[in-house]
Amino acid sequence: MQVPVRNLAGEVVEQFELEDEVFAVPFNEAVVHQAMVRQLANARQGTADTKTRSEIAASTRKMYRQKHTGWARRGSRRASILRGGGVAFGPHPRSYRQKMPKKMRRLALRSVLSAKASSSELIVVDRFGLDAPNTAAFASALKALNVQGRSLVVTADAEQNVIKSARNLPGTRTLPAGLLNVADLLSYKYLIISKEGVDRVQNIWGREKSGKEAN
């Protein structure tokens, strides 16, 4: 698949060939959904905790006599139906981690990248080339690239000038190619990536080589 490569002024400077193994994969909705749920679950800390009635610091003395009060029988201040009492079925620390085979994770990422490429939401730029942080210049570049929505800016490696130029722009996030993930790709409409970033993505998530080919 060939896509146009643009400069920051929005002009097409060349055509670039994308690998079909990464950018022309049929969309697998089930695998993408599972990968998204897994990533969000693994991001949970699982530290929420409530006290049961056995953990509440309160007197064990019977609150009032059993009979002849006209009130309900009450044996402990720790009861869950009382204010300040224990929580009956509250959360406790636990792990929310989910496992997913490596091939399925790779397929999910390729599916989303292919969907971006087929829907013209993938924008390849030759280079960002910012000599210094400049938010106004970066905003002008996004406008020249006709970006009308939330955008994920991907570079081959972390570029501080790009990060600092984009961090104050609403709906814009920067990411190195090695940290590309399904959740960010689905959260942002446009994927703006440099040529070097595309090479890095294809190198990481391209066709897996067998042992003979690797040698």
C-alpha atoms as a PDB file:
ATOM      1  CA  MET A   1       0.000   0.000   0.000  1.00  0.00           C
ATOM      2  CA  GLN A   2       1.316   3.421  -0.964  1.00  0.00           C
ATOM      3  CA  VAL A   3       0.567   6.570   1.022  1.00  0.00           C
ATOM      4  CA  PRO A   4       1.619  10.174   0.389  1.00  0.00           C
ATOM      5  CA  VAL A   5       4.343  11.645   2.583  1.00  0.00           C
ATOM      6  CA  ARG A   6       3.776  15.284   3.546  1.00  0.00           C
ATOM      7  CA  ASN A   7       5.917  17.967   5.069  1.00  0.00           C
ATOM      8  CA  LEU A   8       4.751  20.183   7.924  1.00  0.00           C
ATOM      9  CA  ALA A   9       3.344  22.635   5.384  1.00  0.00           C
ATOM     10  CA  GLY A  10       0.934  19.940   4.176  1.00  0.00           C
ATOM     11  CA  GLU A  11       2.622  19.464   0.787  1.00  0.00           C
ATOM     12  CA  VAL A  12       3.089  16.003  -0.686  1.00  0.00           C
ATOM     13  CA  VAL A  13       6.804  15.393  -1.137  1.00  0.00           C
ATOM     14  CA  GLU A  14       6.860  11.687  -2.076  1.00  0.00           C
ATOM     15  CA  GLN A  15       5.052   8.366  -1.966  1.00  0.00           C
ATOM     16  CA  PHE A  16       5.842   5.786   0.687  1.00  0.00           C
ATOM     17  CA  GLU A  17       5.256   2.025   0.567  1.00  0.00           C
ATOM     18  CA  LEU A  18       3.639   0.474   3.636  1.00  0.00           C
ATOM     19  CA  GLU A  19       4.000  -3.206   4.447  1.00  0.00           C
ATOM     20  CA  ASP A  20       0.771  -5.134   3.933  1.00  0.00           C
ATOM     21  CA  GLU A  21       1.581  -7.356   6.928  1.00  0.00           C
ATOM     22  CA  VAL A  22       1.093  -4.343   9.194  1.00  0.00           C
ATOM     23  CA  PHE A  23      -1.131  -1.859   7.366  1.00  0.00           C
ATOM     24  CA  ALA A  24      -3.391  -4.086   5.230  1.00  0.00           C
ATOM     25  CA  VAL A  25      -4.748  -6.603   7.721  1.00  0.00           C
ATOM     26  CA  PRO A  26      -8.503  -7.372   7.861  1.00  0.00           C
ATOM     27  CA  PHE A  27     -10.075  -5.806  10.929  1.00  0.00           C
ATOM     28  CA  ASN A  28     -10.669  -8.373  13.688  1.00  0.00           C
ATOM     29  CA  GLU A  29     -13.183  -6.735  16.009  1.00  0.00           C
ATOM     30  CA  ALA A  30     -13.188  -9.521  18.608  1.00  0.00           C
ATOM     31  CA  VAL A  31      -9.413  -9.513  19.040  1.00  0.00           C
ATOM     32  CA  VAL A  32      -9.246  -5.702  19.142  1.00  0.00           C
ATOM     33  CA  HIS A  33     -11.973  -5.609  21.803  1.00  0.00           C
ATOM     34  CA  GLN A  34     -10.186  -8.221  23.894  1.00  0.00           C
ATOM     35  CA  ALA A  35      -6.897  -6.338  23.616  1.00  0.00           C
ATOM     36  CA  MET A  36      -8.571  -3.087  24.649  1.00  0.00           C
ATOM     37  CA  VAL A  37     -10.288  -4.667  27.668  1.00  0.00           C
ATOM     38  CA  ARG A  38      -7.020  -6.346  28.688  1.00  0.00           C
ATOM     39  CA  GLN A  39      -5.027  -3.111  28.506  1.00  0.00           C
ATOM     40  CA  LEU A  40      -7.563  -1.151  30.548  1.00  0.00           C
ATOM     41  CA  ALA A  41      -7.818  -3.961  33.113  1.00  0.00           C
ATOM     42  CA  ASN A  42      -4.032  -4.190  33.473  1.00  0.00           C
ATOM     43  CA  ALA A  43      -3.888  -0.448  34.111  1.00  0.00           C
ATOM     44  CA  ARG A  44      -6.089  -0.797  37.201  1.00  0.00           C
ATOM     45  CA  GLN A  45      -4.240  -0.639  40.512  1.00  0.00           C
ATOM     46  CA  GLY A  46      -6.673  -2.844  42.389  1.00  0.00           C
ATOM     47  CA  THR A  47      -5.944  -1.094  45.702  1.00  0.00           C
ATOM     48  CA  ALA A  48      -9.546  -0.200  46.684  1.00  0.00           C
ATOM     49  CA  ASP A  49     -10.276  -1.519  50.156  1.00  0.00           C
ATOM     50  CA  THR A  50     -13.094  -1.330  52.686  1.00  0.00           C
ATOM     51  CA  LYS A  51     -13.272  -2.586  56.277  1.00  0.00           C
ATOM     52  CA  THR A  52     -15.421  -5.507  57.255  1.00  0.00           C
ATOM     53  CA  ARG A  53     -17.220  -5.485  60.595  1.00  0.00           C
ATOM     54  CA  SER A  54     -14.347  -7.452  62.142  1.00  0.00           C
ATOM     55  CA  GLU A  55     -11.909  -4.646  61.237  1.00  0.00           C
ATOM     56  CA  ILE A  56     -13.938  -1.754  62.669  1.00  0.00           C
ATOM     57  CA  ALA A  57     -12.594  -0.229  65.893  1.00  0.00           C
ATOM     58  CA  ALA A  58     -15.638  -0.122  68.155  1.00  0.00           C
ATOM     59  CA  SER A  59     -16.781  -1.408  71.510  1.00  0.00           C
ATOM     60  CA  THR A  60     -18.038  -4.972  71.707  1.00  0.00           C
ATOM     61  CA  ARG A  61     -20.539  -4.005  74.399  1.00  0.00           C
ATOM     62  CA  LYS A  62     -24.170  -4.558  73.587  1.00  0.00           C
ATOM     63  CA  MET A  63     -25.626  -1.193  72.659  1.00  0.00           C
ATOM     64  CA  TYR A  64     -28.830  -1.498  74.686  1.00  0.00           C
ATOM     65  CA  ARG A  65     -30.913  -4.168  76.274  1.00  0.00           C
ATOM     66  CA  GLN A  66     -32.531  -6.853  74.171  1.00  0.00           C
ATOM     67  CA  LYS A  67     -36.199  -6.369  75.063  1.00  0.00           C
ATOM     68  CA  HIS A  68     -38.814  -3.805  75.957  1.00  0.00           C
ATOM     69  CA  THR A  69     -37.304  -0.848  74.037  1.00  0.00           C
ATOM     70  CA  GLY A  70     -39.488  -0.876  70.944  1.00  0.00           C
ATOM     71  CA  TRP A  71     -36.344  -0.816  68.833  1.00  0.00           C
ATOM     72  CA  ALA A  72     -34.775  -3.478  66.699  1.00  0.00           C
ATOM     73  CA  ARG A  73     -32.451  -5.893  68.464  1.00  0.00           C
ATOM     74  CA  ARG A  74     -28.910  -4.598  68.255  1.00  0.00           C
ATOM     75  CA  GLY A  75     -25.820  -6.511  69.328  1.00  0.00           C
ATOM     76  CA  SER A  76     -22.890  -4.536  67.884  1.00  0.00           C
ATOM     77  CA  ARG A  77     -21.964  -1.083  66.694  1.00  0.00           C
ATOM     78  CA  ARG A  78     -19.970  -2.751  63.921  1.00  0.00           C
ATOM     79  CA  ALA A  79     -23.048  -3.936  62.022  1.00  0.00           C
ATOM     80  CA  SER A  80     -22.988  -3.001  58.350  1.00  0.00           C
ATOM     81  CA  ILE A  81     -26.435  -1.346  58.456  1.00  0.00           C
ATOM     82  CA  LEU A  82     -25.205   1.242  60.969  1.00  0.00           C
ATOM     83  CA  ARG A  83     -23.338   4.400  60.153  1.00  0.00           C
ATOM     84  CA  GLY A  84     -19.644   3.826  60.852  1.00  0.00           C
ATOM     85  CA  GLY A  85     -20.091   0.081  60.731  1.00  0.00           C
ATOM     86  CA  GLY A  86     -18.358  -2.407  58.470  1.00  0.00           C
ATOM     87  CA  VAL A  87     -19.054  -2.777  54.743  1.00  0.00           C
ATOM     88  CA  ALA A  88     -20.722  -6.066  53.886  1.00  0.00           C
ATOM     89  CA  PHE A  89     -19.619  -6.681  50.310  1.00  0.00           C
ATOM     90  CA  GLY A  90     -17.116  -3.893  49.645  1.00  0.00           C
ATOM     91  CA  PRO A  91     -13.992  -4.116  47.478  1.00  0.00           C
ATOM     92  CA  HIS A  92     -10.683  -5.477  48.719  1.00  0.00           C
ATOM     93  CA  PRO A  93      -7.216  -5.405  47.111  1.00  0.00           C
ATOM     94  CA  ARG A  94      -7.040  -7.721  44.120  1.00  0.00           C
ATOM     95  CA  SER A  95      -5.321  -8.087  40.764  1.00  0.00           C
ATOM     96  CA  TYR A  96      -7.248  -7.302  37.597  1.00  0.00           C
ATOM     97  CA  ARG A  97      -4.502  -8.504  35.258  1.00  0.00           C
ATOM     98  CA  GLN A  98      -5.493 -10.426  32.150  1.00  0.00           C
ATOM     99  CA  LYS A  99      -3.291 -12.496  29.888  1.00  0.00           C
ATOM    100  CA  MET A 100      -3.402 -12.522  26.102  1.00  0.00           C
ATOM    101  CA  PRO A 101      -1.243 -14.475  23.641  1.00  0.00           C
ATOM    102  CA  LYS A 102       1.475 -12.490  21.899  1.00  0.00           C
ATOM    103  CA  LYS A 103       0.129 -13.289  18.428  1.00  0.00           C
ATOM    104  CA  MET A 104      -3.299 -11.962  19.375  1.00  0.00           C
ATOM    105  CA  ARG A 105      -1.799  -8.758  20.776  1.00  0.00           C
ATOM    106  CA  ARG A 106       0.153  -8.227  17.562  1.00  0.00           C
ATOM    107  CA  LEU A 107      -2.931  -8.960  15.453  1.00  0.00           C
ATOM    108  CA  ALA A 108      -4.979  -6.417  17.416  1.00  0.00           C
ATOM    109  CA  LEU A 109      -2.403  -3.673  16.861  1.00  0.00           C
ATOM    110  CA  ARG A 110      -2.078  -4.493  13.162  1.00  0.00           C
ATOM    111  CA  SER A 111      -5.860  -4.449  12.794  1.00  0.00           C
ATOM    112  CA  VAL A 112      -6.154  -0.946  14.234  1.00  0.00           C
ATOM    113  CA  LEU A 113      -3.190   0.336  12.193  1.00  0.00           C
ATOM    114  CA  SER A 114      -4.744  -1.117   9.043  1.00  0.00           C
ATOM    115  CA  ALA A 115      -8.079   0.509   9.863  1.00  0.00           C
ATOM    116  CA  LYS A 116      -6.341   3.878  10.237  1.00  0.00           C
ATOM    117  CA  ALA A 117      -4.583   3.453   6.912  1.00  0.00           C
ATOM    118  CA  SER A 118      -7.713   2.377   5.014  1.00  0.00           C
ATOM    119  CA  SER A 119      -9.848   5.219   6.398  1.00  0.00           C
ATOM    120  CA  SER A 120      -7.338   7.977   5.543  1.00  0.00           C
ATOM    121  CA  GLU A 121      -6.710   8.645   9.233  1.00  0.00           C
ATOM    122  CA  LEU A 122      -3.024   7.803   8.883  1.00  0.00           C
ATOM    123  CA  ILE A 123      -0.836  10.800   8.032  1.00  0.00           C
ATOM    124  CA  VAL A 124       2.828  10.200   7.264  1.00  0.00           C
ATOM    125  CA  VAL A 125       5.211  13.165   7.487  1.00  0.00           C
ATOM    126  CA  ASP A 126       8.790  13.213   6.251  1.00  0.00           C
ATOM    127  CA  ARG A 127      10.163  14.632   9.508  1.00  0.00           C
ATOM    128  CA  PHE A 128       9.059  16.943  12.280  1.00  0.00           C
ATOM    129  CA  GLY A 129      12.339  18.803  12.336  1.00  0.00           C
ATOM    130  CA  LEU A 130      11.685  21.154  15.231  1.00  0.00           C
ATOM    131  CA  ASP A 131      14.865  22.907  16.350  1.00  0.00           C
ATOM    132  CA  ALA A 132      13.181  24.142  19.526  1.00  0.00           C
ATOM    133  CA  PRO A 133       9.825  23.726  21.275  1.00  0.00           C
ATOM    134  CA  ASN A 134       7.215  25.787  19.444  1.00  0.00           C
ATOM    135  CA  THR A 135       3.554  25.148  20.209  1.00  0.00           C
ATOM    136  CA  ALA A 136       2.270  27.707  17.696  1.00  0.00           C
ATOM    137  CA  ALA A 137       4.323  26.190  14.865  1.00  0.00           C
ATOM    138  CA  PHE A 138       3.142  22.707  15.731  1.00  0.00           C
ATOM    139  CA  ALA A 139      -0.493  23.854  15.822  1.00  0.00           C
ATOM    140  CA  SER A 140      -0.029  25.445  12.391  1.00  0.00           C
ATOM    141  CA  ALA A 141       1.438  22.178  11.107  1.00  0.00           C
ATOM    142  CA  LEU A 142      -1.596  20.223  12.310  1.00  0.00           C
ATOM    143  CA  LYS A 143      -3.852  22.720  10.582  1.00  0.00           C
ATOM    144  CA  ALA A 144      -1.847  22.430   7.359  1.00  0.00           C
ATOM    145  CA  LEU A 145      -2.157  18.636   7.551  1.00  0.00           C
ATOM    146  CA  ASN A 146      -5.949  19.088   7.785  1.00  0.00           C
ATOM    147  CA  VAL A 147      -6.164  17.415  11.174  1.00  0.00           C
ATOM    148  CA  GLN A 148      -9.670  18.008  12.503  1.00  0.00           C
ATOM    149  CA  GLY A 149      -9.903  15.970  15.648  1.00  0.00           C
ATOM    150  CA  ARG A 150      -7.889  14.248  18.328  1.00  0.00           C
ATOM    151  CA  SER A 151      -4.474  13.240  17.071  1.00  0.00           C
ATOM    152  CA  LEU A 152      -1.758  10.827  18.170  1.00  0.00           C
ATOM    153  CA  VAL A 153       1.711  11.992  17.114  1.00  0.00           C
ATOM    154  CA  VAL A 154       4.217   9.133  16.833  1.00  0.00           C
ATOM    155  CA  THR A 155       7.968   9.474  16.391  1.00  0.00           C
ATOM    156  CA  ALA A 156      10.665   6.818  16.057  1.00  0.00           C
ATOM    157  CA  ASP A 157      12.159   7.820  19.415  1.00  0.00           C
ATOM    158  CA  ALA A 158      11.112  10.292  22.078  1.00  0.00           C
ATOM    159  CA  GLU A 159      11.787  13.773  20.656  1.00  0.00           C
ATOM    160  CA  GLN A 160      11.703  16.407  23.376  1.00  0.00           C
ATOM    161  CA  ASN A 161      10.999  19.292  20.994  1.00  0.00           C
ATOM    162  CA  VAL A 162       7.943  17.477  19.616  1.00  0.00           C
ATOM    163  CA  ILE A 163       6.746  16.474  23.093  1.00  0.00           C
ATOM    164  CA  LYS A 164       7.051  20.014  24.470  1.00  0.00           C
ATOM    165  CA  SER A 165       5.468  21.561  21.377  1.00  0.00           C
ATOM    166  CA  ALA A 166       2.388  19.321  21.501  1.00  0.00           C
ATOM    167  CA  ARG A 167       1.763  18.876  25.215  1.00  0.00           C
ATOM    168  CA  ASN A 168      -0.293  22.080  25.570  1.00  0.00           C
ATOM    169  CA  LEU A 169      -2.465  21.360  22.546  1.00  0.00           C
ATOM    170  CA  PRO A 170      -5.858  19.926  23.556  1.00  0.00           C
ATOM    171  CA  GLY A 171      -6.616  16.497  22.102  1.00  0.00           C
ATOM    172  CA  THR A 172      -2.995  15.854  21.076  1.00  0.00           C
ATOM    173  CA  ARG A 173      -0.697  13.169  22.493  1.00  0.00           C
ATOM    174  CA  THR A 174       2.862  12.220  21.572  1.00  0.00           C
ATOM    175  CA  LEU A 175       4.280   8.722  21.743  1.00  0.00           C
ATOM    176  CA  PRO A 176       7.431   6.905  20.595  1.00  0.00           C
ATOM    177  CA  ALA A 177       6.810   4.077  18.133  1.00  0.00           C
ATOM    178  CA  GLY A 178       7.953   1.432  20.594  1.00  0.00           C
ATOM    179  CA  LEU A 179       5.103   2.316  22.996  1.00  0.00           C
ATOM    180  CA  LEU A 180       2.305   2.249  20.409  1.00  0.00           C
ATOM    181  CA  ASN A 181      -0.748   0.513  21.834  1.00  0.00           C
ATOM    182  CA  VAL A 182      -4.349  -0.330  21.005  1.00  0.00           C
ATOM    183  CA  ALA A 183      -5.942   1.939  23.621  1.00  0.00           C
ATOM    184  CA  ASP A 184      -4.209   5.107  22.360  1.00  0.00           C
ATOM    185  CA  LEU A 185      -4.862   4.237  18.719  1.00  0.00           C
ATOM    186  CA  LEU A 186      -8.574   3.838  19.433  1.00  0.00           C
ATOM    187  CA  SER A 187      -8.733   6.967  21.599  1.00  0.00           C
ATOM    188  CA  TYR A 188      -7.397   9.314  18.905  1.00  0.00           C
ATOM    189  CA  LYS A 189      -8.872   9.753  15.449  1.00  0.00           C
ATOM    190  CA  TYR A 190      -5.721  10.679  13.525  1.00  0.00           C
ATOM    191  CA  LEU A 191      -2.378   8.929  13.620  1.00  0.00           C
ATOM    192  CA  ILE A 192       0.409  11.308  12.572  1.00  0.00           C
ATOM    193  CA  ILE A 193       3.680   9.458  12.218  1.00  0.00           C
ATOM    194  CA  SER A 194       7.100  10.212  10.749  1.00  0.00           C
ATOM    195  CA  LYS A 195       8.750   8.042   8.111  1.00  0.00           C
ATOM    196  CA  GLU A 196      11.271   6.855  10.671  1.00  0.00           C
ATOM    197  CA  GLY A 197       8.383   6.043  12.965  1.00  0.00           C
ATOM    198  CA  VAL A 198       6.733   3.928  10.268  1.00  0.00           C
ATOM    199  CA  ASP A 199       9.989   2.023   9.748  1.00  0.00           C
ATOM    200  CA  ARG A 200      10.220   1.397  13.482  1.00  0.00           C
ATOM    201  CA  VAL A 201       6.595   0.214  13.651  1.00  0.00           C
ATOM    202  CA  GLN A 202       7.079  -2.148  10.711  1.00  0.00           C
ATOM    203  CA  ASN A 203      10.291  -3.457  12.241  1.00  0.00           C
ATOM    204  CA  ILE A 204       8.594  -4.191  15.576  1.00  0.00           C
ATOM    205  CA  TRP A 205       5.185  -5.438  14.446  1.00  0.00           C
ATOM    206  CA  GLY A 206       6.007  -6.666  10.955  1.00  0.00           C
ATOM    207  CA  ARG A 207       6.068 -10.260   9.811  1.00  0.00           C
ATOM    208  CA  GLU A 208       7.613 -12.542  12.411  1.00  0.00           C
ATOM    209  CA  LYS A 209      10.652 -14.348  11.045  1.00  0.00           C
ATOM    210  CA  SER A 210      11.163 -18.058  11.534  1.00  0.00           C
ATOM    211  CA  GLY A 211      14.343 -19.396  13.083  1.00  0.00           C
ATOM    212  CA  LYS A 212      15.900 -20.181   9.668  1.00  0.00           C
ATOM    213  CA  GLU A 213      15.115 -16.708   8.306  1.00  0.00           C
ATOM    214  CA  ALA A 214      16.513 -15.043  11.419  1.00  0.00           C
ATOM    215  CA  ASN A 215      19.781 -16.900  10.999  1.00  0.00           C
END
